[in-house]
């Protein structure tokens, strides 16, 4: 009886862990909390990633030619323009030396 109870508790624990794993999403480590507010030249940015919808502030993580990342708010006009320029560069097939 004791082993049956232990096995049942273990099974319930595994179900609880497995079912909550999907709720975590990409995690808060992919969210931005500090932002660069100064415009960044397009020539300094090689790529970008949009942060998760679960993050409190909509943002992009820009990867610079130095390999560093910086966060920028997606609601700022210069950021919108930069993203459009980067997308156009990607569509035209332009590549970087990296």
PDB file of N, CA and C in Angstrom:
ATOM      1  N   UNK A   1       0.822  -1.188   0.000  1.00  0.00           N
ATOM      2  CA  UNK A   1       0.000   0.000   0.000  1.00  0.00           C
ATOM      3  C   UNK A   1       0.867   1.251   0.000  1.00  0.00           C
ATOM      4  N   UNK A   2       1.952   1.233   0.776  1.00  0.00           N
ATOM      5  CA  UNK A   2       2.841   2.383   0.879  1.00  0.00           C
ATOM      6  C   UNK A   2       3.532   2.671  -0.455  1.00  0.00           C
ATOM      7  N   UNK A   3       3.959   1.631  -1.161  1.00  0.00           N
ATOM      8  CA  UNK A   3       4.616   1.831  -2.445  1.00  0.00           C
ATOM      9  C   UNK A   3       3.627   2.355  -3.485  1.00  0.00           C
ATOM     10  N   UNK A   4       2.367   1.921  -3.400  1.00  0.00           N
ATOM     11  CA  UNK A   4       1.331   2.413  -4.310  1.00  0.00           C
ATOM     12  C   UNK A   4       1.107   3.902  -4.086  1.00  0.00           C
ATOM     13  N   UNK A   5       1.068   4.338  -2.831  1.00  0.00           N
ATOM     14  CA  UNK A   5       0.885   5.748  -2.496  1.00  0.00           C
ATOM     15  C   UNK A   5       2.088   6.567  -2.966  1.00  0.00           C
ATOM     16  N   UNK A   6       3.286   6.067  -2.766  1.00  0.00           N
ATOM     17  CA  UNK A   6       4.501   6.766  -3.205  1.00  0.00           C
ATOM     18  C   UNK A   6       4.529   6.898  -4.721  1.00  0.00           C
ATOM     19  N   UNK A   7       4.176   5.835  -5.409  1.00  0.00           N
ATOM     20  CA  UNK A   7       4.146   5.856  -6.864  1.00  0.00           C
ATOM     21  C   UNK A   7       3.096   6.837  -7.368  1.00  0.00           C
ATOM     22  N   UNK A   8       1.945   6.881  -6.728  1.00  0.00           N
ATOM     23  CA  UNK A   8       0.884   7.816  -7.117  1.00  0.00           C
ATOM     24  C   UNK A   8       1.330   9.259  -6.910  1.00  0.00           C
ATOM     25  N   UNK A   9       1.955   9.533  -5.783  1.00  0.00           N
ATOM     26  CA  UNK A   9       2.443  10.889  -5.516  1.00  0.00           C
ATOM     27  C   UNK A   9       3.518  11.297  -6.520  1.00  0.00           C
ATOM     28  N   UNK A  10       4.408  10.386  -6.858  1.00  0.00           N
ATOM     29  CA  UNK A  10       5.443  10.660  -7.836  1.00  0.00           C
ATOM     30  C   UNK A  10       4.826  10.957  -9.209  1.00  0.00           C
ATOM     31  N   UNK A  11       3.830  10.175  -9.591  1.00  0.00           N
ATOM     32  CA  UNK A  11       3.163  10.392 -10.871  1.00  0.00           C
ATOM     33  C   UNK A  11       2.467  11.752 -10.903  1.00  0.00           C
ATOM     34  N   UNK A  12       1.812  12.124  -9.806  1.00  0.00           N
ATOM     35  CA  UNK A  12       1.129  13.424  -9.749  1.00  0.00           C
ATOM     36  C   UNK A  12       2.147  14.560  -9.812  1.00  0.00           C
ATOM     37  N   UNK A  13       3.274  14.386  -9.166  1.00  0.00           N
ATOM     38  CA  UNK A  13       4.319  15.398  -9.191  1.00  0.00           C
ATOM     39  C   UNK A  13       4.856  15.582 -10.614  1.00  0.00           C
ATOM     40  N   UNK A  14       5.102  14.488 -11.301  1.00  0.00           N
ATOM     41  CA  UNK A  14       5.582  14.562 -12.678  1.00  0.00           C
ATOM     42  C   UNK A  14       4.568  15.230 -13.603  1.00  0.00           C
ATOM     43  N   UNK A  15       3.299  14.935 -13.418  1.00  0.00           N
ATOM     44  CA  UNK A  15       2.251  15.571 -14.220  1.00  0.00           C
ATOM     45  C   UNK A  15       2.228  17.075 -13.959  1.00  0.00           C
ATOM     46  N   UNK A  16       2.355  17.467 -12.692  1.00  0.00           N
ATOM     47  CA  UNK A  16       2.338  18.892 -12.343  1.00  0.00           C
ATOM     48  C   UNK A  16       3.527  19.619 -12.958  1.00  0.00           C
ATOM     49  N   UNK A  17       4.699  19.022 -12.881  1.00  0.00           N
ATOM     50  CA  UNK A  17       5.896  19.650 -13.454  1.00  0.00           C
ATOM     51  C   UNK A  17       5.775  19.762 -14.966  1.00  0.00           C
ATOM     52  N   UNK A  18       5.341  18.700 -15.610  1.00  0.00           N
ATOM     53  CA  UNK A  18       5.214  18.682 -17.058  1.00  0.00           C
ATOM     54  C   UNK A  18       4.176  19.682 -17.553  1.00  0.00           C
ATOM     55  N   UNK A  19       3.051  19.786 -16.867  1.00  0.00           N
ATOM     56  CA  UNK A  19       1.987  20.676 -17.333  1.00  0.00           C
ATOM     57  C   UNK A  19       2.346  22.143 -17.129  1.00  0.00           C
ATOM     58  N   UNK A  20       3.159  22.479 -16.141  1.00  0.00           N
ATOM     59  CA  UNK A  20       3.533  23.880 -15.930  1.00  0.00           C
ATOM     60  C   UNK A  20       4.749  24.276 -16.749  1.00  0.00           C
ATOM     61  N   UNK A  21       5.460  23.332 -17.301  1.00  0.00           N
ATOM     62  CA  UNK A  21       6.647  23.632 -18.101  1.00  0.00           C
ATOM     63  C   UNK A  21       6.293  24.496 -19.303  1.00  0.00           C
ATOM     64  N   UNK A  22       5.195  24.221 -19.970  1.00  0.00           N
ATOM     65  CA  UNK A  22       4.775  24.992 -21.129  1.00  0.00           C
ATOM     66  C   UNK A  22       4.299  26.389 -20.787  1.00  0.00           C
ATOM     67  N   UNK A  23       3.888  26.616 -19.563  1.00  0.00           N
ATOM     68  CA  UNK A  23       3.399  27.930 -19.173  1.00  0.00           C
ATOM     69  C   UNK A  23       4.523  28.938 -19.005  1.00  0.00           C
ATOM     70  N   UNK A  24       5.729  28.450 -18.817  1.00  0.00           N
ATOM     71  CA  UNK A  24       6.849  29.353 -18.602  1.00  0.00           C
ATOM     72  C   UNK A  24       7.279  30.063 -19.867  1.00  0.00           C
ATOM     73  N   UNK A  25       7.008  29.488 -21.020  1.00  0.00           N
ATOM     74  CA  UNK A  25       7.376  30.125 -22.272  1.00  0.00           C
ATOM     75  C   UNK A  25       8.882  30.248 -22.393  1.00  0.00           C
ATOM     76  N   UNK A  26       9.314  31.372 -22.998  1.00  0.00           N
ATOM     77  CA  UNK A  26      10.734  31.554 -23.219  1.00  0.00           C
ATOM     78  C   UNK A  26      11.441  32.098 -21.988  1.00  0.00           C
ATOM     79  N   UNK A  27      10.693  32.471 -20.978  1.00  0.00           N
ATOM     80  CA  UNK A  27      11.309  32.916 -19.733  1.00  0.00           C
ATOM     81  C   UNK A  27      11.618  34.394 -19.732  1.00  0.00           C
ATOM     82  N   UNK A  28      11.793  34.933 -18.544  1.00  0.00           N
ATOM     83  CA  UNK A  28      12.041  36.354 -18.420  1.00  0.00           C
ATOM     84  C   UNK A  28      13.445  36.738 -18.858  1.00  0.00           C
ATOM     85  N   UNK A  29      14.329  35.759 -19.053  1.00  0.00           N
ATOM     86  CA  UNK A  29      15.681  36.090 -19.488  1.00  0.00           C
ATOM     87  C   UNK A  29      15.691  36.659 -20.899  1.00  0.00           C
ATOM     88  N   UNK A  30      14.640  36.433 -21.669  1.00  0.00           N
ATOM     89  CA  UNK A  30      14.550  36.972 -23.019  1.00  0.00           C
ATOM     90  C   UNK A  30      13.840  38.324 -23.051  1.00  0.00           C
ATOM     91  N   UNK A  31      13.420  38.815 -21.910  1.00  0.00           N
ATOM     92  CA  UNK A  31      12.746  40.108 -21.838  1.00  0.00           C
ATOM     93  C   UNK A  31      13.766  41.217 -21.633  1.00  0.00           C
ATOM     94  N   UNK A  32      13.388  42.413 -22.016  1.00  0.00           N
ATOM     95  CA  UNK A  32      14.249  43.587 -21.835  1.00  0.00           C
ATOM     96  C   UNK A  32      13.696  44.457 -20.718  1.00  0.00           C
ATOM     97  N   UNK A  33      14.587  44.940 -19.890  1.00  0.00           N
ATOM     98  CA  UNK A  33      14.196  45.820 -18.792  1.00  0.00           C
ATOM     99  C   UNK A  33      14.962  47.139 -18.812  1.00  0.00           C
ATOM    100  N   UNK A  34      16.070  47.184 -19.544  1.00  0.00           N
ATOM    101  CA  UNK A  34      16.830  48.411 -19.740  1.00  0.00           C
ATOM    102  C   UNK A  34      16.949  48.628 -21.238  1.00  0.00           C
ATOM    103  N   UNK A  35      16.763  49.885 -21.674  1.00  0.00           N
ATOM    104  CA  UNK A  35      16.668  50.161 -23.102  1.00  0.00           C
ATOM    105  C   UNK A  35      17.644  51.233 -23.554  1.00  0.00           C
ATOM    106  N   UNK A  36      18.166  51.035 -24.755  1.00  0.00           N
ATOM    107  CA  UNK A  36      18.957  52.060 -25.413  1.00  0.00           C
ATOM    108  C   UNK A  36      17.973  53.023 -26.067  1.00  0.00           C
ATOM    109  N   UNK A  37      18.077  54.295 -25.746  1.00  0.00           N
ATOM    110  CA  UNK A  37      17.133  55.278 -26.295  1.00  0.00           C
ATOM    111  C   UNK A  37      17.727  56.072 -27.456  1.00  0.00           C
ATOM    112  N   UNK A  38      19.043  55.937 -27.690  1.00  0.00           N
ATOM    113  CA  UNK A  38      19.693  56.679 -28.766  1.00  0.00           C
ATOM    114  C   UNK A  38      19.628  55.897 -30.066  1.00  0.00           C
ATOM    115  N   UNK A  39      19.341  56.583 -31.176  1.00  0.00           N
ATOM    116  CA  UNK A  39      19.288  55.889 -32.468  1.00  0.00           C
ATOM    117  C   UNK A  39      20.596  55.159 -32.780  1.00  0.00           C
ATOM    118  N   UNK A  40      20.464  53.993 -33.372  1.00  0.00           N
ATOM    119  CA  UNK A  40      21.614  53.168 -33.745  1.00  0.00           C
ATOM    120  C   UNK A  40      21.670  53.125 -35.265  1.00  0.00           C
ATOM    121  N   UNK A  41      22.824  53.429 -35.866  1.00  0.00           N
ATOM    122  CA  UNK A  41      22.920  53.362 -37.326  1.00  0.00           C
ATOM    123  C   UNK A  41      22.682  51.939 -37.833  1.00  0.00           C
ATOM    124  N   UNK A  42      22.019  51.844 -38.957  1.00  0.00           N
ATOM    125  CA  UNK A  42      21.720  50.540 -39.547  1.00  0.00           C
ATOM    126  C   UNK A  42      22.999  49.750 -39.804  1.00  0.00           C
ATOM    127  N   UNK A  43      24.066  50.421 -40.131  1.00  0.00           N
ATOM    128  CA  UNK A  43      25.332  49.745 -40.436  1.00  0.00           C
ATOM    129  C   UNK A  43      25.939  49.070 -39.210  1.00  0.00           C
ATOM    130  N   UNK A  44      25.482  49.401 -38.006  1.00  0.00           N
ATOM    131  CA  UNK A  44      26.000  48.809 -36.772  1.00  0.00           C
ATOM    132  C   UNK A  44      25.199  47.584 -36.328  1.00  0.00           C
ATOM    133  N   UNK A  45      24.075  47.306 -37.011  1.00  0.00           N
ATOM    134  CA  UNK A  45      23.186  46.215 -36.590  1.00  0.00           C
ATOM    135  C   UNK A  45      23.214  45.108 -37.635  1.00  0.00           C
ATOM    136  N   UNK A  46      23.442  43.873 -37.167  1.00  0.00           N
ATOM    137  CA  UNK A  46      23.465  42.735 -38.094  1.00  0.00           C
ATOM    138  C   UNK A  46      22.180  41.927 -38.058  1.00  0.00           C
ATOM    139  N   UNK A  47      21.470  41.955 -36.925  1.00  0.00           N
ATOM    140  CA  UNK A  47      20.209  41.207 -36.837  1.00  0.00           C
ATOM    141  C   UNK A  47      19.413  41.700 -35.641  1.00  0.00           C
ATOM    142  N   UNK A  48      18.181  41.203 -35.549  1.00  0.00           N
ATOM    143  CA  UNK A  48      17.335  41.540 -34.407  1.00  0.00           C
ATOM    144  C   UNK A  48      16.413  40.378 -34.093  1.00  0.00           C
ATOM    145  N   UNK A  49      15.921  40.379 -32.856  1.00  0.00           N
ATOM    146  CA  UNK A  49      14.941  39.385 -32.411  1.00  0.00           C
ATOM    147  C   UNK A  49      13.883  40.129 -31.605  1.00  0.00           C
ATOM    148  N   UNK A  50      12.628  39.825 -31.875  1.00  0.00           N
ATOM    149  CA  UNK A  50      11.545  40.416 -31.098  1.00  0.00           C
ATOM    150  C   UNK A  50      11.407  39.655 -29.783  1.00  0.00           C
ATOM    151  N   UNK A  51      11.191  40.380 -28.708  1.00  0.00           N
ATOM    152  CA  UNK A  51      11.036  39.722 -27.417  1.00  0.00           C
ATOM    153  C   UNK A  51       9.683  39.004 -27.348  1.00  0.00           C
ATOM    154  N   UNK A  52       9.557  38.120 -26.403  1.00  0.00           N
ATOM    155  CA  UNK A  52       8.347  37.329 -26.223  1.00  0.00           C
ATOM    156  C   UNK A  52       7.135  38.216 -25.929  1.00  0.00           C
ATOM    157  N   UNK A  53       5.976  37.764 -26.337  1.00  0.00           N
ATOM    158  CA  UNK A  53       4.741  38.484 -26.024  1.00  0.00           C
ATOM    159  C   UNK A  53       4.439  38.445 -24.537  1.00  0.00           C
ATOM    160  N   UNK A  54       5.089  37.560 -23.807  1.00  0.00           N
ATOM    161  CA  UNK A  54       4.893  37.459 -22.366  1.00  0.00           C
ATOM    162  C   UNK A  54       5.695  38.511 -21.599  1.00  0.00           C
ATOM    163  N   UNK A  55       6.576  39.220 -22.290  1.00  0.00           N
ATOM    164  CA  UNK A  55       7.376  40.254 -21.641  1.00  0.00           C
ATOM    165  C   UNK A  55       6.505  41.475 -21.352  1.00  0.00           C
ATOM    166  N   UNK A  56       6.818  42.205 -20.283  1.00  0.00           N
ATOM    167  CA  UNK A  56       5.997  43.354 -19.911  1.00  0.00           C
ATOM    168  C   UNK A  56       6.084  44.523 -20.893  1.00  0.00           C
ATOM    169  N   UNK A  57       7.201  44.654 -21.620  1.00  0.00           N
ATOM    170  CA  UNK A  57       7.374  45.746 -22.576  1.00  0.00           C
ATOM    171  C   UNK A  57       7.774  45.152 -23.924  1.00  0.00           C
ATOM    172  N   UNK A  58       7.053  45.540 -24.982  1.00  0.00           N
ATOM    173  CA  UNK A  58       7.372  45.071 -26.328  1.00  0.00           C
ATOM    174  C   UNK A  58       8.701  45.685 -26.760  1.00  0.00           C
ATOM    175  N   UNK A  59       9.619  44.833 -27.201  1.00  0.00           N
ATOM    176  CA  UNK A  59      10.955  45.325 -27.540  1.00  0.00           C
ATOM    177  C   UNK A  59      11.611  44.428 -28.574  1.00  0.00           C
ATOM    178  N   UNK A  60      12.752  44.908 -29.069  1.00  0.00           N
ATOM    179  CA  UNK A  60      13.618  44.137 -29.940  1.00  0.00           C
ATOM    180  C   UNK A  60      14.990  44.058 -29.291  1.00  0.00           C
ATOM    181  N   UNK A  61      15.659  42.923 -29.474  1.00  0.00           N
ATOM    182  CA  UNK A  61      17.060  42.782 -29.080  1.00  0.00           C
ATOM    183  C   UNK A  61      17.868  42.888 -30.357  1.00  0.00           C
ATOM    184  N   UNK A  62      18.674  43.944 -30.462  1.00  0.00           N
ATOM    185  CA  UNK A  62      19.509  44.158 -31.634  1.00  0.00           C
ATOM    186  C   UNK A  62      20.878  43.531 -31.408  1.00  0.00           C
ATOM    187  N   UNK A  63      21.399  42.844 -32.422  1.00  0.00           N
ATOM    188  CA  UNK A  63      22.762  42.321 -32.360  1.00  0.00           C
ATOM    189  C   UNK A  63      23.636  43.234 -33.194  1.00  0.00           C
ATOM    190  N   UNK A  64      24.687  43.759 -32.574  1.00  0.00           N
ATOM    191  CA  UNK A  64      25.564  44.694 -33.261  1.00  0.00           C
ATOM    192  C   UNK A  64      26.695  43.961 -33.973  1.00  0.00           C
ATOM    193  N   UNK A  65      27.436  44.702 -34.788  1.00  0.00           N
ATOM    194  CA  UNK A  65      28.567  44.116 -35.506  1.00  0.00           C
ATOM    195  C   UNK A  65      29.637  43.622 -34.543  1.00  0.00           C
ATOM    196  N   UNK A  66      29.643  44.143 -33.313  1.00  0.00           N
ATOM    197  CA  UNK A  66      30.595  43.694 -32.285  1.00  0.00           C
ATOM    198  C   UNK A  66      30.147  42.394 -31.625  1.00  0.00           C
ATOM    199  N   UNK A  67      28.936  41.918 -31.942  1.00  0.00           N
ATOM    200  CA  UNK A  67      28.412  40.709 -31.322  1.00  0.00           C
ATOM    201  C   UNK A  67      27.697  40.970 -30.012  1.00  0.00           C
ATOM    202  N   UNK A  68      27.487  42.227 -29.688  1.00  0.00           N
ATOM    203  CA  UNK A  68      26.779  42.575 -28.455  1.00  0.00           C
ATOM    204  C   UNK A  68      25.299  42.761 -28.746  1.00  0.00           C
ATOM    205  N   UNK A  69      24.508  42.633 -27.694  1.00  0.00           N
ATOM    206  CA  UNK A  69      23.059  42.812 -27.813  1.00  0.00           C
ATOM    207  C   UNK A  69      22.629  44.047 -27.043  1.00  0.00           C
ATOM    208  N   UNK A  70      21.626  44.735 -27.591  1.00  0.00           N
ATOM    209  CA  UNK A  70      21.035  45.857 -26.878  1.00  0.00           C
ATOM    210  C   UNK A  70      19.530  45.816 -27.085  1.00  0.00           C
ATOM    211  N   UNK A  71      18.820  46.278 -26.087  1.00  0.00           N
ATOM    212  CA  UNK A  71      17.363  46.301 -26.154  1.00  0.00           C
ATOM    213  C   UNK A  71      16.875  47.686 -26.562  1.00  0.00           C
ATOM    214  N   UNK A  72      15.858  47.685 -27.428  1.00  0.00           N
ATOM    215  CA  UNK A  72      15.232  48.929 -27.858  1.00  0.00           C
ATOM    216  C   UNK A  72      13.723  48.728 -27.841  1.00  0.00           C
ATOM    217  N   UNK A  73      13.000  49.779 -27.499  1.00  0.00           N
ATOM    218  CA  UNK A  73      11.541  49.692 -27.451  1.00  0.00           C
ATOM    219  C   UNK A  73      10.965  49.696 -28.867  1.00  0.00           C
ATOM    220  N   UNK A  74      10.058  48.787 -29.127  1.00  0.00           N
ATOM    221  CA  UNK A  74       9.476  48.673 -30.459  1.00  0.00           C
ATOM    222  C   UNK A  74       8.515  49.809 -30.791  1.00  0.00           C
ATOM    223  N   UNK A  75       8.114  50.590 -29.801  1.00  0.00           N
ATOM    224  CA  UNK A  75       7.160  51.674 -30.031  1.00  0.00           C
ATOM    225  C   UNK A  75       7.828  52.973 -30.495  1.00  0.00           C
ATOM    226  N   UNK A  76       9.154  53.039 -30.435  1.00  0.00           N
ATOM    227  CA  UNK A  76       9.880  54.248 -30.803  1.00  0.00           C
ATOM    228  C   UNK A  76      10.026  54.316 -32.328  1.00  0.00           C
ATOM    229  N   UNK A  77       9.841  55.503 -32.902  1.00  0.00           N
ATOM    230  CA  UNK A  77       9.825  55.641 -34.361  1.00  0.00           C
ATOM    231  C   UNK A  77      11.150  55.251 -35.013  1.00  0.00           C
ATOM    232  N   UNK A  78      12.289  55.652 -34.446  1.00  0.00           N
ATOM    233  CA  UNK A  78      13.552  55.292 -35.086  1.00  0.00           C
ATOM    234  C   UNK A  78      13.768  53.779 -35.078  1.00  0.00           C
ATOM    235  N   UNK A  79      13.221  53.091 -34.082  1.00  0.00           N
ATOM    236  CA  UNK A  79      13.328  51.631 -34.021  1.00  0.00           C
ATOM    237  C   UNK A  79      12.472  51.009 -35.124  1.00  0.00           C
ATOM    238  N   UNK A  80      11.255  51.525 -35.304  1.00  0.00           N
ATOM    239  CA  UNK A  80      10.390  51.036 -36.383  1.00  0.00           C
ATOM    240  C   UNK A  80      11.075  51.204 -37.731  1.00  0.00           C
ATOM    241  N   UNK A  81      11.687  52.375 -37.946  1.00  0.00           N
ATOM    242  CA  UNK A  81      12.388  52.637 -39.210  1.00  0.00           C
ATOM    243  C   UNK A  81      13.564  51.684 -39.386  1.00  0.00           C
ATOM    244  N   UNK A  82      14.316  51.456 -38.313  1.00  0.00           N
ATOM    245  CA  UNK A  82      15.463  50.560 -38.373  1.00  0.00           C
ATOM    246  C   UNK A  82      15.034  49.138 -38.714  1.00  0.00           C
ATOM    247  N   UNK A  83      13.986  48.660 -38.082  1.00  0.00           N
ATOM    248  CA  UNK A  83      13.497  47.302 -38.347  1.00  0.00           C
ATOM    249  C   UNK A  83      13.041  47.181 -39.799  1.00  0.00           C
ATOM    250  N   UNK A  84      12.343  48.201 -40.309  1.00  0.00           N
ATOM    251  CA  UNK A  84      11.927  48.186 -41.716  1.00  0.00           C
ATOM    252  C   UNK A  84      13.137  48.135 -42.644  1.00  0.00           C
ATOM    253  N   UNK A  85      14.187  48.906 -42.326  1.00  0.00           N
ATOM    254  CA  UNK A  85      15.409  48.899 -43.133  1.00  0.00           C
ATOM    255  C   UNK A  85      16.093  47.533 -43.086  1.00  0.00           C
ATOM    256  N   UNK A  86      16.155  46.945 -41.909  1.00  0.00           N
ATOM    257  CA  UNK A  86      16.775  45.621 -41.780  1.00  0.00           C
ATOM    258  C   UNK A  86      15.985  44.561 -42.535  1.00  0.00           C
ATOM    259  N   UNK A  87      14.662  44.646 -42.472  1.00  0.00           N
ATOM    260  CA  UNK A  87      13.824  43.695 -43.212  1.00  0.00           C
ATOM    261  C   UNK A  87      14.007  43.863 -44.715  1.00  0.00           C
ATOM    262  N   UNK A  88      14.096  45.109 -45.171  1.00  0.00           N
ATOM    263  CA  UNK A  88      14.298  45.369 -46.604  1.00  0.00           C
ATOM    264  C   UNK A  88      15.656  44.840 -47.044  1.00  0.00           C
ATOM    265  N   UNK A  89      16.660  44.987 -46.188  1.00  0.00           N
ATOM    266  CA  UNK A  89      17.997  44.483 -46.503  1.00  0.00           C
ATOM    267  C   UNK A  89      17.976  42.971 -46.612  1.00  0.00           C
ATOM    268  N   UNK A  90      17.220  42.321 -45.725  1.00  0.00           N
ATOM    269  CA  UNK A  90      17.107  40.863 -45.735  1.00  0.00           C
ATOM    270  C   UNK A  90      16.390  40.390 -47.003  1.00  0.00           C
ATOM    271  N   UNK A  91      15.347  41.101 -47.400  1.00  0.00           N
ATOM    272  CA  UNK A  91      14.565  40.717 -48.579  1.00  0.00           C
ATOM    273  C   UNK A  91      15.390  40.891 -49.854  1.00  0.00           C
ATOM    274  N   UNK A  92      16.184  41.966 -49.903  1.00  0.00           N
ATOM    275  CA  UNK A  92      16.978  42.229 -51.117  1.00  0.00           C
ATOM    276  C   UNK A  92      18.154  41.267 -51.257  1.00  0.00           C
ATOM    277  N   UNK A  93      18.425  40.489 -50.189  1.00  0.00           N
ATOM    278  CA  UNK A  93      19.500  39.501 -50.257  1.00  0.00           C
ATOM    279  C   UNK A  93      20.846  40.041 -49.848  1.00  0.00           C
ATOM    280  N   UNK A  94      20.885  41.262 -49.362  1.00  0.00           N
ATOM    281  CA  UNK A  94      22.147  41.839 -48.915  1.00  0.00           C
ATOM    282  C   UNK A  94      22.639  41.056 -47.699  1.00  0.00           C
ATOM    283  N   UNK A  95      23.914  40.770 -47.687  1.00  0.00           N
ATOM    284  CA  UNK A  95      24.478  40.023 -46.569  1.00  0.00           C
ATOM    285  C   UNK A  95      25.596  40.837 -45.920  1.00  0.00           C
ATOM    286  N   UNK A  96      25.983  40.410 -44.748  1.00  0.00           N
ATOM    287  CA  UNK A  96      27.083  41.065 -44.034  1.00  0.00           C
ATOM    288  C   UNK A  96      28.317  40.185 -44.118  1.00  0.00           C
ATOM    289  N   UNK A  97      29.431  40.703 -43.683  1.00  0.00           N
ATOM    290  CA  UNK A  97      30.692  39.955 -43.690  1.00  0.00           C
ATOM    291  C   UNK A  97      30.833  39.075 -42.466  1.00  0.00           C
ATOM    292  N   UNK A  98      29.821  39.026 -41.613  1.00  0.00           N
ATOM    293  CA  UNK A  98      29.924  38.248 -40.386  1.00  0.00           C
ATOM    294  C   UNK A  98      29.484  36.834 -40.575  1.00  0.00           C
TER     295      UNK A  98
END
